[in-house]
Amino acid sequence: MKERVLEIVSEIRPDIDFESAHNLIDDGHLDSFDIVSIISELNDEYNITIRVTELKPENFNSVDAMIELVTRLQAK
């Protein structure tokens, strides 16, 4: 899953080396449009629904945080 999430994020922001970007939001790498695009891709790719209640910066602050969110939503 990590490889696929990295691919999704890299497709949306090819200008950033996500292998070394630990804090995507805190470091200013992702803006609102990026996050909406990532959410759309994650929803489609993993057949989940990321709701407004999950739109917290900590859920999109790193690839690991996104994976944790997807895993948690898949378990529901």
PDB file of N, CA and C in Angstrom:
ATOM      1  N   MET A   1       0.826  -1.199   0.000  1.00  0.00           N
ATOM      2  CA  MET A   1       0.000   0.000   0.000  1.00  0.00           C
ATOM      3  C   MET A   1       0.865   1.256   0.000  1.00  0.00           C
ATOM      4  N   LYS A   2       1.978   1.222   0.724  1.00  0.00           N
ATOM      5  CA  LYS A   2       2.815   2.416   0.802  1.00  0.00           C
ATOM      6  C   LYS A   2       3.309   2.840  -0.582  1.00  0.00           C
ATOM      7  N   GLU A   3       3.707   1.860  -1.392  1.00  0.00           N
ATOM      8  CA  GLU A   3       4.195   2.190  -2.723  1.00  0.00           C
ATOM      9  C   GLU A   3       3.114   2.863  -3.556  1.00  0.00           C
ATOM     10  N   ARG A   4       1.889   2.366  -3.456  1.00  0.00           N
ATOM     11  CA  ARG A   4       0.791   2.940  -4.239  1.00  0.00           C
ATOM     12  C   ARG A   4       0.429   4.338  -3.753  1.00  0.00           C
ATOM     13  N   VAL A   5       0.402   4.535  -2.446  1.00  0.00           N
ATOM     14  CA  VAL A   5       0.110   5.875  -1.924  1.00  0.00           C
ATOM     15  C   VAL A   5       1.206   6.846  -2.354  1.00  0.00           C
ATOM     16  N   LEU A   6       2.459   6.412  -2.313  1.00  0.00           N
ATOM     17  CA  LEU A   6       3.558   7.253  -2.801  1.00  0.00           C
ATOM     18  C   LEU A   6       3.371   7.594  -4.277  1.00  0.00           C
ATOM     19  N   GLU A   7       2.943   6.623  -5.065  1.00  0.00           N
ATOM     20  CA  GLU A   7       2.687   6.874  -6.487  1.00  0.00           C
ATOM     21  C   GLU A   7       1.592   7.913  -6.680  1.00  0.00           C
ATOM     22  N   ILE A   8       0.505   7.771  -5.934  1.00  0.00           N
ATOM     23  CA  ILE A   8      -0.611   8.717  -6.036  1.00  0.00           C
ATOM     24  C   ILE A   8      -0.137  10.125  -5.706  1.00  0.00           C
ATOM     25  N   VAL A   9       0.570  10.251  -4.598  1.00  0.00           N
ATOM     26  CA  VAL A   9       1.042  11.577  -4.180  1.00  0.00           C
ATOM     27  C   VAL A   9       2.047  12.111  -5.195  1.00  0.00           C
ATOM     28  N   SER A  10       2.903  11.259  -5.697  1.00  0.00           N
ATOM     29  CA  SER A  10       3.906  11.686  -6.680  1.00  0.00           C
ATOM     30  C   SER A  10       3.272  12.101  -8.003  1.00  0.00           C
ATOM     31  N   GLU A  11       2.174  11.439  -8.390  1.00  0.00           N
ATOM     32  CA  GLU A  11       1.470  11.826  -9.609  1.00  0.00           C
ATOM     33  C   GLU A  11       0.876  13.220  -9.473  1.00  0.00           C
ATOM     34  N   ILE A  12       0.394  13.525  -8.280  1.00  0.00           N
ATOM     35  CA  ILE A  12      -0.231  14.824  -8.044  1.00  0.00           C
ATOM     36  C   ILE A  12       0.818  15.919  -7.874  1.00  0.00           C
ATOM     37  N   ARG A  13       1.928  15.592  -7.217  1.00  0.00           N
ATOM     38  CA  ARG A  13       3.005  16.569  -7.001  1.00  0.00           C
ATOM     39  C   ARG A  13       4.345  15.986  -7.444  1.00  0.00           C
ATOM     40  N   PRO A  14       4.574  15.896  -8.758  1.00  0.00           N
ATOM     41  CA  PRO A  14       5.807  15.292  -9.264  1.00  0.00           C
ATOM     42  C   PRO A  14       7.062  16.117  -8.967  1.00  0.00           C
ATOM     43  N   ASP A  15       6.869  17.337  -8.522  1.00  0.00           N
ATOM     44  CA  ASP A  15       8.004  18.224  -8.247  1.00  0.00           C
ATOM     45  C   ASP A  15       8.657  17.969  -6.889  1.00  0.00           C
ATOM     46  N   ILE A  16       8.095  17.083  -6.098  1.00  0.00           N
ATOM     47  CA  ILE A  16       8.599  16.871  -4.739  1.00  0.00           C
ATOM     48  C   ILE A  16       9.108  15.452  -4.575  1.00  0.00           C
ATOM     49  N   ASP A  17      10.232  15.315  -3.878  1.00  0.00           N
ATOM     50  CA  ASP A  17      10.780  13.997  -3.547  1.00  0.00           C
ATOM     51  C   ASP A  17      10.104  13.533  -2.268  1.00  0.00           C
ATOM     52  N   PHE A  18       9.040  12.748  -2.422  1.00  0.00           N
ATOM     53  CA  PHE A  18       8.262  12.330  -1.264  1.00  0.00           C
ATOM     54  C   PHE A  18       8.964  11.283  -0.413  1.00  0.00           C
ATOM     55  N   GLU A  19       9.993  10.640  -0.960  1.00  0.00           N
ATOM     56  CA  GLU A  19      10.743   9.682  -0.155  1.00  0.00           C
ATOM     57  C   GLU A  19      11.402  10.391   1.027  1.00  0.00           C
ATOM     58  N   SER A  20      11.750  11.670   0.833  1.00  0.00           N
ATOM     59  CA  SER A  20      12.426  12.391   1.905  1.00  0.00           C
ATOM     60  C   SER A  20      11.550  13.449   2.565  1.00  0.00           C
ATOM     61  N   ALA A  21      10.304  13.625   2.073  1.00  0.00           N
ATOM     62  CA  ALA A  21       9.400  14.629   2.652  1.00  0.00           C
ATOM     63  C   ALA A  21       8.597  13.993   3.777  1.00  0.00           C
ATOM     64  N   HIS A  22       8.956  14.275   5.000  1.00  0.00           N
ATOM     65  CA  HIS A  22       8.293  13.654   6.141  1.00  0.00           C
ATOM     66  C   HIS A  22       7.016  14.391   6.533  1.00  0.00           C
ATOM     67  N   ASN A  23       7.035  15.693   6.497  1.00  0.00           N
ATOM     68  CA  ASN A  23       5.874  16.477   6.896  1.00  0.00           C
ATOM     69  C   ASN A  23       5.366  17.273   5.700  1.00  0.00           C
ATOM     70  N   LEU A  24       4.465  16.663   4.966  1.00  0.00           N
ATOM     71  CA  LEU A  24       4.022  17.252   3.713  1.00  0.00           C
ATOM     72  C   LEU A  24       3.259  18.550   3.889  1.00  0.00           C
ATOM     73  N   ILE A  25       2.357  18.600   4.861  1.00  0.00           N
ATOM     74  CA  ILE A  25       1.575  19.816   5.082  1.00  0.00           C
ATOM     75  C   ILE A  25       2.405  20.839   5.858  1.00  0.00           C
ATOM     76  N   ASP A  26       3.035  20.407   6.940  1.00  0.00           N
ATOM     77  CA  ASP A  26       3.793  21.334   7.771  1.00  0.00           C
ATOM     78  C   ASP A  26       4.898  22.037   6.986  1.00  0.00           C
ATOM     79  N   ASP A  27       5.483  21.325   6.027  1.00  0.00           N
ATOM     80  CA  ASP A  27       6.558  21.916   5.229  1.00  0.00           C
ATOM     81  C   ASP A  27       6.039  22.703   4.035  1.00  0.00           C
ATOM     82  N   GLY A  28       4.717  22.794   3.909  1.00  0.00           N
ATOM     83  CA  GLY A  28       4.121  23.594   2.842  1.00  0.00           C
ATOM     84  C   GLY A  28       4.130  22.928   1.476  1.00  0.00           C
ATOM     85  N   HIS A  29       4.299  21.609   1.432  1.00  0.00           N
ATOM     86  CA  HIS A  29       4.332  20.917   0.144  1.00  0.00           C
ATOM     87  C   HIS A  29       2.943  20.716  -0.441  1.00  0.00           C
ATOM     88  N   LEU A  30       1.947  20.511   0.406  1.00  0.00           N
ATOM     89  CA  LEU A  30       0.590  20.246  -0.075  1.00  0.00           C
ATOM     90  C   LEU A  30      -0.328  21.419   0.225  1.00  0.00           C
ATOM     91  N   ASP A  31      -1.129  21.791  -0.757  1.00  0.00           N
ATOM     92  CA  ASP A  31      -2.142  22.814  -0.505  1.00  0.00           C
ATOM     93  C   ASP A  31      -3.524  22.149  -0.562  1.00  0.00           C
ATOM     94  N   SER A  32      -4.566  22.922  -0.437  1.00  0.00           N
ATOM     95  CA  SER A  32      -5.934  22.377  -0.385  1.00  0.00           C
ATOM     96  C   SER A  32      -6.278  21.597  -1.637  1.00  0.00           C
ATOM     97  N   PHE A  33      -5.886  22.105  -2.795  1.00  0.00           N
ATOM     98  CA  PHE A  33      -6.176  21.414  -4.047  1.00  0.00           C
ATOM     99  C   PHE A  33      -5.478  20.059  -4.090  1.00  0.00           C
ATOM    100  N   ASP A  34      -4.227  20.010  -3.644  1.00  0.00           N
ATOM    101  CA  ASP A  34      -3.495  18.742  -3.591  1.00  0.00           C
ATOM    102  C   ASP A  34      -4.211  17.736  -2.696  1.00  0.00           C
ATOM    103  N   ILE A  35      -4.651  18.194  -1.540  1.00  0.00           N
ATOM    104  CA  ILE A  35      -5.303  17.295  -0.585  1.00  0.00           C
ATOM    105  C   ILE A  35      -6.615  16.765  -1.156  1.00  0.00           C
ATOM    106  N   VAL A  36      -7.397  17.630  -1.806  1.00  0.00           N
ATOM    107  CA  VAL A  36      -8.648  17.186  -2.429  1.00  0.00           C
ATOM    108  C   VAL A  36      -8.356  16.143  -3.503  1.00  0.00           C
ATOM    109  N   SER A  37      -7.332  16.357  -4.303  1.00  0.00           N
ATOM    110  CA  SER A  37      -6.957  15.403  -5.344  1.00  0.00           C
ATOM    111  C   SER A  37      -6.509  14.078  -4.743  1.00  0.00           C
ATOM    112  N   ILE A  38      -5.717  14.136  -3.684  1.00  0.00           N
ATOM    113  CA  ILE A  38      -5.243  12.925  -3.017  1.00  0.00           C
ATOM    114  C   ILE A  38      -6.425  12.158  -2.416  1.00  0.00           C
ATOM    115  N   ILE A  39      -7.346  12.875  -1.774  1.00  0.00           N
ATOM    116  CA  ILE A  39      -8.524  12.232  -1.184  1.00  0.00           C
ATOM    117  C   ILE A  39      -9.333  11.527  -2.263  1.00  0.00           C
ATOM    118  N   SER A  40      -9.540  12.181  -3.387  1.00  0.00           N
ATOM    119  CA  SER A  40     -10.288  11.579  -4.484  1.00  0.00           C
ATOM    120  C   SER A  40      -9.630  10.296  -4.967  1.00  0.00           C
ATOM    121  N   GLU A  41      -8.317  10.343  -5.150  1.00  0.00           N
ATOM    122  CA  GLU A  41      -7.582   9.155  -5.602  1.00  0.00           C
ATOM    123  C   GLU A  41      -7.625   8.033  -4.564  1.00  0.00           C
ATOM    124  N   LEU A  42      -7.436   8.379  -3.297  1.00  0.00           N
ATOM    125  CA  LEU A  42      -7.468   7.360  -2.241  1.00  0.00           C
ATOM    126  C   LEU A  42      -8.852   6.732  -2.134  1.00  0.00           C
ATOM    127  N   ASN A  43      -9.902   7.562  -2.216  1.00  0.00           N
ATOM    128  CA  ASN A  43     -11.272   7.048  -2.168  1.00  0.00           C
ATOM    129  C   ASN A  43     -11.501   6.031  -3.284  1.00  0.00           C
ATOM    130  N   ASP A  44     -11.089   6.388  -4.500  1.00  0.00           N
ATOM    131  CA  ASP A  44     -11.292   5.505  -5.649  1.00  0.00           C
ATOM    132  C   ASP A  44     -10.423   4.256  -5.568  1.00  0.00           C
ATOM    133  N   GLU A  45      -9.164   4.461  -5.248  1.00  0.00           N
ATOM    134  CA  GLU A  45      -8.193   3.358  -5.242  1.00  0.00           C
ATOM    135  C   GLU A  45      -8.525   2.300  -4.192  1.00  0.00           C
ATOM    136  N   TYR A  46      -8.935   2.742  -3.010  1.00  0.00           N
ATOM    137  CA  TYR A  46      -9.131   1.818  -1.890  1.00  0.00           C
ATOM    138  C   TYR A  46     -10.588   1.621  -1.501  1.00  0.00           C
ATOM    139  N   ASN A  47     -11.512   2.157  -2.313  1.00  0.00           N
ATOM    140  CA  ASN A  47     -12.934   1.977  -2.085  1.00  0.00           C
ATOM    141  C   ASN A  47     -13.331   2.369  -0.659  1.00  0.00           C
ATOM    142  N   ILE A  48     -12.894   3.558  -0.285  1.00  0.00           N
ATOM    143  CA  ILE A  48     -13.220   4.098   1.035  1.00  0.00           C
ATOM    144  C   ILE A  48     -13.870   5.460   0.837  1.00  0.00           C
ATOM    145  N   THR A  49     -14.377   6.015   1.911  1.00  0.00           N
ATOM    146  CA  THR A  49     -14.899   7.378   1.878  1.00  0.00           C
ATOM    147  C   THR A  49     -14.229   8.174   2.990  1.00  0.00           C
ATOM    148  N   ILE A  50     -13.443   9.140   2.585  1.00  0.00           N
ATOM    149  CA  ILE A  50     -12.813  10.034   3.562  1.00  0.00           C
ATOM    150  C   ILE A  50     -13.799  11.165   3.808  1.00  0.00           C
ATOM    151  N   ARG A  51     -14.329  11.214   5.016  1.00  0.00           N
ATOM    152  CA  ARG A  51     -15.360  12.193   5.369  1.00  0.00           C
ATOM    153  C   ARG A  51     -14.741  13.466   5.939  1.00  0.00           C
ATOM    154  N   VAL A  52     -15.584  14.465   6.093  1.00  0.00           N
ATOM    155  CA  VAL A  52     -15.145  15.759   6.626  1.00  0.00           C
ATOM    156  C   VAL A  52     -14.462  15.589   7.980  1.00  0.00           C
ATOM    157  N   THR A  53     -14.953  14.654   8.783  1.00  0.00           N
ATOM    158  CA  THR A  53     -14.376  14.471  10.118  1.00  0.00           C
ATOM    159  C   THR A  53     -12.926  13.988  10.071  1.00  0.00           C
ATOM    160  N   GLU A  54     -12.512  13.401   8.937  1.00  0.00           N
ATOM    161  CA  GLU A  54     -11.131  12.942   8.806  1.00  0.00           C
ATOM    162  C   GLU A  54     -10.221  13.987   8.162  1.00  0.00           C
ATOM    163  N   LEU A  55     -10.771  15.149   7.821  1.00  0.00           N
ATOM    164  CA  LEU A  55      -9.977  16.182   7.155  1.00  0.00           C
ATOM    165  C   LEU A  55      -9.167  16.985   8.163  1.00  0.00           C
ATOM    166  N   LYS A  56      -8.328  16.293   8.872  1.00  0.00           N
ATOM    167  CA  LYS A  56      -7.448  16.920   9.858  1.00  0.00           C
ATOM    168  C   LYS A  56      -6.037  16.920   9.278  1.00  0.00           C
ATOM    169  N   PRO A  57      -5.283  17.988   9.496  1.00  0.00           N
ATOM    170  CA  PRO A  57      -3.921  18.038   8.945  1.00  0.00           C
ATOM    171  C   PRO A  57      -3.082  16.819   9.295  1.00  0.00           C
ATOM    172  N   GLU A  58      -3.250  16.300  10.492  1.00  0.00           N
ATOM    173  CA  GLU A  58      -2.424  15.161  10.899  1.00  0.00           C
ATOM    174  C   GLU A  58      -2.689  13.911  10.057  1.00  0.00           C
ATOM    175  N   ASN A  59      -3.856  13.834   9.411  1.00  0.00           N
ATOM    176  CA  ASN A  59      -4.152  12.681   8.563  1.00  0.00           C
ATOM    177  C   ASN A  59      -3.491  12.768   7.190  1.00  0.00           C
ATOM    178  N   PHE A  60      -2.983  13.941   6.840  1.00  0.00           N
ATOM    179  CA  PHE A  60      -2.357  14.144   5.533  1.00  0.00           C
ATOM    180  C   PHE A  60      -0.969  14.757   5.662  1.00  0.00           C
ATOM    181  N   ASN A  61      -0.411  14.642   6.852  1.00  0.00           N
ATOM    182  CA  ASN A  61       0.878  15.256   7.113  1.00  0.00           C
ATOM    183  C   ASN A  61       2.039  14.437   6.569  1.00  0.00           C
ATOM    184  N   SER A  62       1.811  13.161   6.331  1.00  0.00           N
ATOM    185  CA  SER A  62       2.859  12.306   5.773  1.00  0.00           C
ATOM    186  C   SER A  62       2.209  11.142   5.048  1.00  0.00           C
ATOM    187  N   VAL A  63       2.984  10.468   4.244  1.00  0.00           N
ATOM    188  CA  VAL A  63       2.480   9.287   3.550  1.00  0.00           C
ATOM    189  C   VAL A  63       2.053   8.237   4.568  1.00  0.00           C
ATOM    190  N   ASP A  64       2.828   8.076   5.636  1.00  0.00           N
ATOM    191  CA  ASP A  64       2.471   7.099   6.676  1.00  0.00           C
ATOM    192  C   ASP A  64       1.130   7.431   7.318  1.00  0.00           C
ATOM    193  N   ALA A  65       0.861   8.727   7.534  1.00  0.00           N
ATOM    194  CA  ALA A  65      -0.420   9.134   8.116  1.00  0.00           C
ATOM    195  C   ALA A  65      -1.567   8.816   7.161  1.00  0.00           C
ATOM    196  N   MET A  66      -1.345   9.018   5.857  1.00  0.00           N
ATOM    197  CA  MET A  66      -2.381   8.692   4.878  1.00  0.00           C
ATOM    198  C   MET A  66      -2.651   7.191   4.856  1.00  0.00           C
ATOM    199  N   ILE A  67      -1.611   6.398   4.934  1.00  0.00           N
ATOM    200  CA  ILE A  67      -1.763   4.942   4.952  1.00  0.00           C
ATOM    201  C   ILE A  67      -2.530   4.510   6.198  1.00  0.00           C
ATOM    202  N   GLU A  68      -2.204   5.108   7.323  1.00  0.00           N
ATOM    203  CA  GLU A  68      -2.912   4.793   8.567  1.00  0.00           C
ATOM    204  C   GLU A  68      -4.398   5.124   8.448  1.00  0.00           C
ATOM    205  N   LEU A  69      -4.717   6.269   7.835  1.00  0.00           N
ATOM    206  CA  LEU A  69      -6.116   6.664   7.637  1.00  0.00           C
ATOM    207  C   LEU A  69      -6.831   5.661   6.731  1.00  0.00           C
ATOM    208  N   VAL A  70      -6.224   5.314   5.606  1.00  0.00           N
ATOM    209  CA  VAL A  70      -6.842   4.357   4.681  1.00  0.00           C
ATOM    210  C   VAL A  70      -7.059   3.022   5.367  1.00  0.00           C
ATOM    211  N   THR A  71      -6.068   2.540   6.090  1.00  0.00           N
ATOM    212  CA  THR A  71      -6.168   1.258   6.789  1.00  0.00           C
ATOM    213  C   THR A  71      -7.307   1.283   7.796  1.00  0.00           C
ATOM    214  N   ARG A  72      -7.401   2.382   8.550  1.00  0.00           N
ATOM    215  CA  ARG A  72      -8.468   2.514   9.551  1.00  0.00           C
ATOM    216  C   ARG A  72      -9.837   2.520   8.880  1.00  0.00           C
ATOM    217  N   LEU A  73      -9.970   3.222   7.755  1.00  0.00           N
ATOM    218  CA  LEU A  73     -11.264   3.299   7.065  1.00  0.00           C
ATOM    219  C   LEU A  73     -11.634   1.982   6.392  1.00  0.00           C
ATOM    220  N   GLN A  74     -10.651   1.256   5.909  1.00  0.00           N
ATOM    221  CA  GLN A  74     -10.924  -0.047   5.305  1.00  0.00           C
ATOM    222  C   GLN A  74     -11.432  -1.043   6.341  1.00  0.00           C
ATOM    223  N   ALA A  75     -11.024  -0.874   7.587  1.00  0.00           N
ATOM    224  CA  ALA A  75     -11.414  -1.801   8.642  1.00  0.00           C
ATOM    225  C   ALA A  75     -12.855  -1.586   9.099  1.00  0.00           C
ATOM    226  N   LYS A  76     -13.441  -0.452   8.751  1.00  0.00           N
ATOM    227  CA  LYS A  76     -14.822  -0.154   9.183  1.00  0.00           C
ATOM    228  C   LYS A  76     -15.821  -0.991   8.428  1.00  0.00           C
TER     229      LYS A  76
END
